[in-house]
Amino acid sequence: MPITDVTPSSVTNAWSKVPEVTIYFWVIKILATTVGETAADYINITLGLGLQSTTLVAVILLAVTLAAQFMVSRYIPALYWWTVLLISVTGTLITDNLTDVFGVPLAMSTAVFSIALIAVFTAWYATERTLSIHSIRTRRREAFYWLAILITFALGTAAGDLIAEKLAVGYAASLGIFAAIIALIAIAHYVLRLNAVVAFWAAYIVTRPLGASLGDLLTQPRDSGGLAFGTTVTNVVFLVVMVALVAFLSVTTIDRVEQRAPGEVRR
């Protein structure tokens, strides 16, 4: 599967719009997925804004942030991860609305989001001939990228709640299951030579329900299988760590992929 196939006619930005996949990437991704779960609950329930009002605020913030993300010419850590965080919150709220407002069963939501994600990946590859995040240098590829990420967050929320709550597996056990799946994906990639692009997206999808299970485990009451730390403490701690890591990456630039297409002039 090619990862650098950019033709001169399709290039609108010779610089990568996404970070290099390092250990920092995965740590911040899990932090963002966890906060996406807990922040949605905090605003909706703790602050009492309500599910629909919370969703409206999140969608507006996400629309503004995505507009800014598309306007910049290269990867900016603070903007990129703020976008991921807002998509995490929005994805959670999409599933929560389907479940709590429209009464859509979690099994159906999980199935529909799975089909939608497959459709996006199919259209993306059919159009661009690559799903590699190292190729995100055109607006069309970036649009596919963010759409896929939004669906992974909604899917992960539905799948996580389905397994932990509907199937009564529990938050701790669900966390262990998803962690084991990610470990198997890593083994498949590093030992069995699973394609890097396939391994990345598989791990990316599973980190969402892992983060959702972690968030619920930390915040839910003890009689519901949680540790009862509450959404306020969890959000503050995770956000502080996330901001510190993003600041570190902004200063060191160690996750910046300054790649150009062959023959292209840097701009």
Protein backbone atom coordinates (compact mmCIF):
# COMPACT_ATOMS: atom_id res chain seq x y z
CA MET A 1 0.00 0.00 0.00
CA PRO A 2 1.81 3.20 -1.12
CA ILE A 3 2.40 5.93 1.42
CA THR A 4 4.01 8.68 -0.61
CA ASP A 5 1.98 8.76 -3.79
CA VAL A 6 1.33 12.45 -4.27
CA THR A 7 0.99 13.76 -7.78
CA PRO A 8 1.78 17.42 -8.56
CA SER A 9 -1.82 18.04 -9.61
CA SER A 10 -3.19 16.86 -6.25
CA VAL A 11 -0.75 18.55 -3.89
CA THR A 12 -2.11 21.58 -2.07
CA ASN A 13 0.26 21.39 0.88
CA ALA A 14 3.74 19.86 0.67
CA TRP A 15 4.00 19.63 4.45
CA SER A 16 2.44 16.88 6.52
CA LYS A 17 -0.68 17.95 8.44
CA VAL A 18 -0.43 15.18 11.03
CA PRO A 19 2.24 14.14 13.55
CA GLU A 20 4.69 11.27 13.30
CA VAL A 21 3.39 8.17 15.07
CA THR A 22 5.55 7.90 18.19
CA ILE A 23 4.92 6.79 21.77
CA TYR A 24 3.85 10.39 22.46
CA PHE A 25 1.18 10.09 19.78
CA TRP A 26 -0.39 7.05 21.42
CA VAL A 27 -0.18 8.43 24.95
CA ILE A 28 -1.87 11.71 23.96
CA LYS A 29 -4.42 9.81 21.85
CA ILE A 30 -5.45 7.69 24.84
CA LEU A 31 -5.57 10.79 27.06
CA ALA A 32 -7.77 12.55 24.49
CA THR A 33 -10.09 9.57 24.12
CA THR A 34 -10.50 9.30 27.88
CA VAL A 35 -11.19 13.02 28.27
CA GLY A 36 -13.62 12.81 25.37
CA GLU A 37 -15.69 10.41 27.46
CA THR A 38 -15.34 12.20 30.80
CA ALA A 39 -15.61 15.78 29.50
CA ALA A 40 -18.87 15.01 27.72
CA ASP A 41 -20.28 13.62 30.98
CA TYR A 42 -18.89 16.54 32.98
CA ILE A 43 -20.51 19.22 30.81
CA ASN A 44 -23.72 17.28 30.27
CA ILE A 45 -24.32 15.98 33.80
CA THR A 46 -22.05 17.70 36.33
CA LEU A 47 -22.55 21.20 34.93
CA GLY A 48 -26.14 20.37 34.02
CA LEU A 49 -25.99 21.80 30.51
CA GLY A 50 -27.94 18.87 29.11
CA LEU A 51 -27.12 16.45 26.33
CA GLN A 52 -28.53 18.44 23.41
CA SER A 53 -27.04 21.79 24.52
CA THR A 54 -23.68 20.12 25.16
CA THR A 55 -23.82 18.58 21.69
CA LEU A 56 -24.60 21.92 20.07
CA VAL A 57 -21.67 23.64 21.81
CA ALA A 58 -19.31 20.79 20.91
CA VAL A 59 -20.35 20.78 17.24
CA ILE A 60 -19.91 24.57 16.93
CA LEU A 61 -16.46 24.45 18.55
CA LEU A 62 -15.47 21.54 16.34
CA ALA A 63 -16.62 23.30 13.16
CA VAL A 64 -14.57 26.39 14.02
CA THR A 65 -11.54 24.31 14.95
CA LEU A 66 -11.70 22.20 11.80
CA ALA A 67 -11.88 25.37 9.71
CA ALA A 68 -8.70 26.57 11.41
CA GLN A 69 -7.05 23.16 10.97
CA PHE A 70 -7.76 23.16 7.24
CA MET A 71 -6.43 26.71 6.88
CA VAL A 72 -2.98 26.07 8.36
CA SER A 73 -0.28 24.78 6.05
CA ARG A 74 1.40 22.27 8.34
CA TYR A 75 1.06 20.27 11.53
CA ILE A 76 0.69 22.44 14.63
CA PRO A 77 0.62 20.28 17.79
CA ALA A 78 -1.73 22.45 19.87
CA LEU A 79 -4.27 22.87 17.05
CA TYR A 80 -4.07 19.26 15.91
CA TRP A 81 -4.59 17.77 19.36
CA TRP A 82 -7.30 20.30 20.24
CA THR A 83 -9.10 19.09 17.12
CA VAL A 84 -8.70 15.47 18.18
CA LEU A 85 -10.01 16.30 21.65
CA LEU A 86 -13.09 18.04 20.28
CA ILE A 87 -13.74 15.17 17.87
CA SER A 88 -13.44 12.80 20.82
CA VAL A 89 -16.08 14.75 22.74
CA THR A 90 -18.32 15.07 19.68
CA GLY A 91 -18.04 11.39 18.81
CA THR A 92 -19.08 10.50 22.35
CA LEU A 93 -22.05 12.85 22.17
CA ILE A 94 -23.19 11.45 18.81
CA THR A 95 -23.44 7.98 20.30
CA ASP A 96 -25.00 9.28 23.53
CA ASN A 97 -27.69 11.11 21.54
CA LEU A 98 -28.47 8.03 19.46
CA THR A 99 -28.73 5.91 22.61
CA ASP A 100 -30.39 8.26 25.10
CA VAL A 101 -32.49 10.51 22.85
CA PHE A 102 -33.41 8.29 19.91
CA GLY A 103 -33.30 4.94 21.67
CA VAL A 104 -30.97 3.30 19.14
CA PRO A 105 -29.55 0.07 20.62
CA LEU A 106 -25.79 0.05 21.16
CA ALA A 107 -25.45 -3.07 19.04
CA MET A 108 -27.08 -1.29 16.12
CA SER A 109 -24.96 1.86 16.60
CA THR A 110 -21.81 -0.27 16.67
CA ALA A 111 -22.82 -2.07 13.48
CA VAL A 112 -23.83 1.12 11.63
CA PHE A 113 -20.65 2.98 12.60
CA SER A 114 -18.56 -0.03 11.57
CA ILE A 115 -20.19 -0.06 8.14
CA ALA A 116 -19.79 3.72 7.84
CA LEU A 117 -16.07 3.47 8.68
CA ILE A 118 -15.54 0.73 6.10
CA ALA A 119 -17.34 2.91 3.53
CA VAL A 120 -15.11 5.90 4.31
CA PHE A 121 -11.92 3.82 4.08
CA THR A 122 -13.14 2.30 0.81
CA ALA A 123 -13.93 5.68 -0.73
CA TRP A 124 -10.66 7.13 0.59
CA TYR A 125 -8.54 4.36 -0.91
CA ALA A 126 -10.49 4.28 -4.17
CA THR A 127 -9.94 8.01 -4.57
CA GLU A 128 -6.39 8.44 -3.25
CA ARG A 129 -4.89 4.92 -3.50
CA THR A 130 -3.55 5.20 0.04
CA LEU A 131 -4.76 5.33 3.63
CA SER A 132 -1.40 6.30 5.07
CA ILE A 133 -1.44 9.25 7.45
CA HIS A 134 1.96 10.21 6.08
CA SER A 135 0.17 11.22 2.89
CA ILE A 136 -2.08 13.85 4.50
CA ARG A 137 -0.89 16.76 2.39
CA THR A 138 -4.03 17.59 0.42
CA ARG A 139 -7.35 18.93 1.64
CA ARG A 140 -9.26 16.00 0.23
CA ARG A 141 -7.09 13.50 2.08
CA GLU A 142 -7.37 15.58 5.22
CA ALA A 143 -11.16 15.59 4.89
CA PHE A 144 -11.17 11.79 4.63
CA TYR A 145 -8.79 11.62 7.60
CA TRP A 146 -10.91 13.71 9.97
CA LEU A 147 -14.14 12.01 8.87
CA ALA A 148 -12.62 8.60 9.57
CA ILE A 149 -11.43 9.77 12.99
CA LEU A 150 -14.86 11.13 13.91
CA ILE A 151 -16.47 7.80 13.05
CA THR A 152 -13.83 5.86 15.02
CA PHE A 153 -14.68 7.91 18.11
CA ALA A 154 -18.42 7.37 17.74
CA LEU A 155 -17.84 3.68 17.02
CA GLY A 156 -15.48 3.29 19.97
CA THR A 157 -17.97 4.87 22.35
CA ALA A 158 -20.75 2.56 21.17
CA ALA A 159 -18.57 -0.56 21.24
CA GLY A 160 -17.11 0.30 24.64
CA ASP A 161 -20.52 0.90 26.22
CA LEU A 162 -21.92 -2.20 24.52
CA ILE A 163 -19.28 -4.49 25.98
CA ALA A 164 -18.84 -2.85 29.39
CA GLU A 165 -22.46 -2.00 30.17
CA LYS A 166 -24.92 -3.77 27.88
CA LEU A 167 -23.08 -7.09 27.98
CA ALA A 168 -22.16 -6.46 31.64
CA VAL A 169 -18.49 -7.26 31.14
CA GLY A 170 -17.53 -4.34 33.40
CA TYR A 171 -15.21 -1.38 32.93
CA ALA A 172 -12.03 -2.99 34.26
CA ALA A 173 -12.49 -6.19 32.27
CA SER A 174 -13.34 -4.20 29.12
CA LEU A 175 -10.20 -2.12 29.60
CA GLY A 176 -8.17 -5.32 29.81
CA ILE A 177 -9.82 -6.76 26.70
CA PHE A 178 -9.11 -3.70 24.58
CA ALA A 179 -5.55 -3.43 25.90
CA ALA A 180 -4.98 -7.07 24.96
CA ILE A 181 -6.33 -6.45 21.45
CA ILE A 182 -3.94 -3.53 20.98
CA ALA A 183 -1.06 -5.73 22.20
CA LEU A 184 -2.03 -8.39 19.65
CA ILE A 185 -2.09 -5.76 16.89
CA ALA A 186 1.41 -4.64 17.91
CA ILE A 187 2.64 -8.24 17.85
CA ALA A 188 1.04 -8.80 14.46
CA HIS A 189 2.83 -5.74 13.12
CA TYR A 190 6.29 -6.14 14.64
CA VAL A 191 6.52 -9.94 14.59
CA LEU A 192 4.19 -11.10 11.83
CA ARG A 193 4.81 -8.07 9.59
CA LEU A 194 1.23 -6.87 9.43
CA ASN A 195 1.02 -3.89 7.06
CA ALA A 196 1.87 -0.69 8.92
CA VAL A 197 -1.16 1.22 7.63
CA VAL A 198 -3.55 -1.59 8.58
CA ALA A 199 -1.92 -1.92 12.00
CA PHE A 200 -2.13 1.82 12.63
CA TRP A 201 -5.83 2.12 11.87
CA ALA A 202 -6.67 -1.06 13.77
CA ALA A 203 -4.88 0.25 16.86
CA TYR A 204 -6.38 3.71 16.39
CA ILE A 205 -9.90 2.30 16.34
CA VAL A 206 -9.39 0.15 19.44
CA THR A 207 -7.80 2.94 21.51
CA ARG A 208 -11.17 4.69 21.50
CA PRO A 209 -13.14 2.01 23.40
CA LEU A 210 -10.06 1.53 25.58
CA GLY A 211 -10.15 5.23 26.49
CA ALA A 212 -13.92 5.12 27.01
CA SER A 213 -13.58 2.13 29.36
CA LEU A 214 -10.75 3.85 31.23
CA GLY A 215 -12.79 7.04 31.61
CA ASP A 216 -15.82 5.16 32.90
CA LEU A 217 -13.68 3.05 35.23
CA LEU A 218 -12.18 6.17 36.80
CA THR A 219 -15.37 8.22 37.08
CA GLN A 220 -18.31 5.87 37.64
CA PRO A 221 -19.56 5.08 41.18
CA ARG A 222 -18.12 2.06 42.96
CA ASP A 223 -21.48 0.27 43.00
CA SER A 224 -21.44 0.49 39.18
CA GLY A 225 -17.95 -0.96 38.90
CA GLY A 226 -16.02 2.31 38.79
CA LEU A 227 -13.40 3.88 41.06
CA ALA A 228 -15.51 7.00 41.78
CA PHE A 229 -12.76 9.58 41.19
CA GLY A 230 -15.34 11.76 39.48
CA THR A 231 -15.26 13.61 36.17
CA THR A 232 -13.75 16.82 37.58
CA VAL A 233 -10.59 15.25 38.99
CA THR A 234 -10.16 12.94 36.01
CA ASN A 235 -10.55 15.76 33.49
CA VAL A 236 -8.12 18.04 35.30
CA VAL A 237 -5.40 15.41 35.70
CA PHE A 238 -5.66 14.10 32.16
CA LEU A 239 -5.84 17.56 30.60
CA VAL A 240 -2.79 18.77 32.56
CA VAL A 241 -0.75 15.80 31.35
CA MET A 242 -2.03 16.24 27.81
CA VAL A 243 -1.19 19.96 27.74
CA ALA A 244 2.29 19.26 29.12
CA LEU A 245 3.00 16.65 26.45
CA VAL A 246 1.68 18.85 23.63
CA ALA A 247 3.83 21.73 24.91
CA PHE A 248 6.84 19.40 24.95
CA LEU A 249 6.19 18.35 21.36
CA SER A 250 5.71 21.98 20.30
CA VAL A 251 9.12 22.90 21.69
CA THR A 252 11.10 19.83 20.62
CA THR A 253 9.31 19.23 17.27
CA ILE A 254 10.29 15.57 17.56
CA ASP A 255 6.97 14.40 16.12
CA ARG A 256 6.98 16.72 13.12
CA VAL A 257 7.03 15.13 9.68
CA GLU A 258 8.42 17.74 7.31
CA GLN A 259 8.03 15.71 4.15
CA ARG A 260 7.70 17.05 0.65
CA ALA A 261 6.49 15.33 -2.45
CA PRO A 262 9.23 14.63 -4.99
CA GLY A 263 9.91 17.64 -7.17
CA GLU A 264 7.68 19.93 -5.10
CA VAL A 265 8.79 23.33 -3.89
CA ARG A 266 8.40 23.94 -0.16
CA ARG A 267 5.68 26.48 0.53
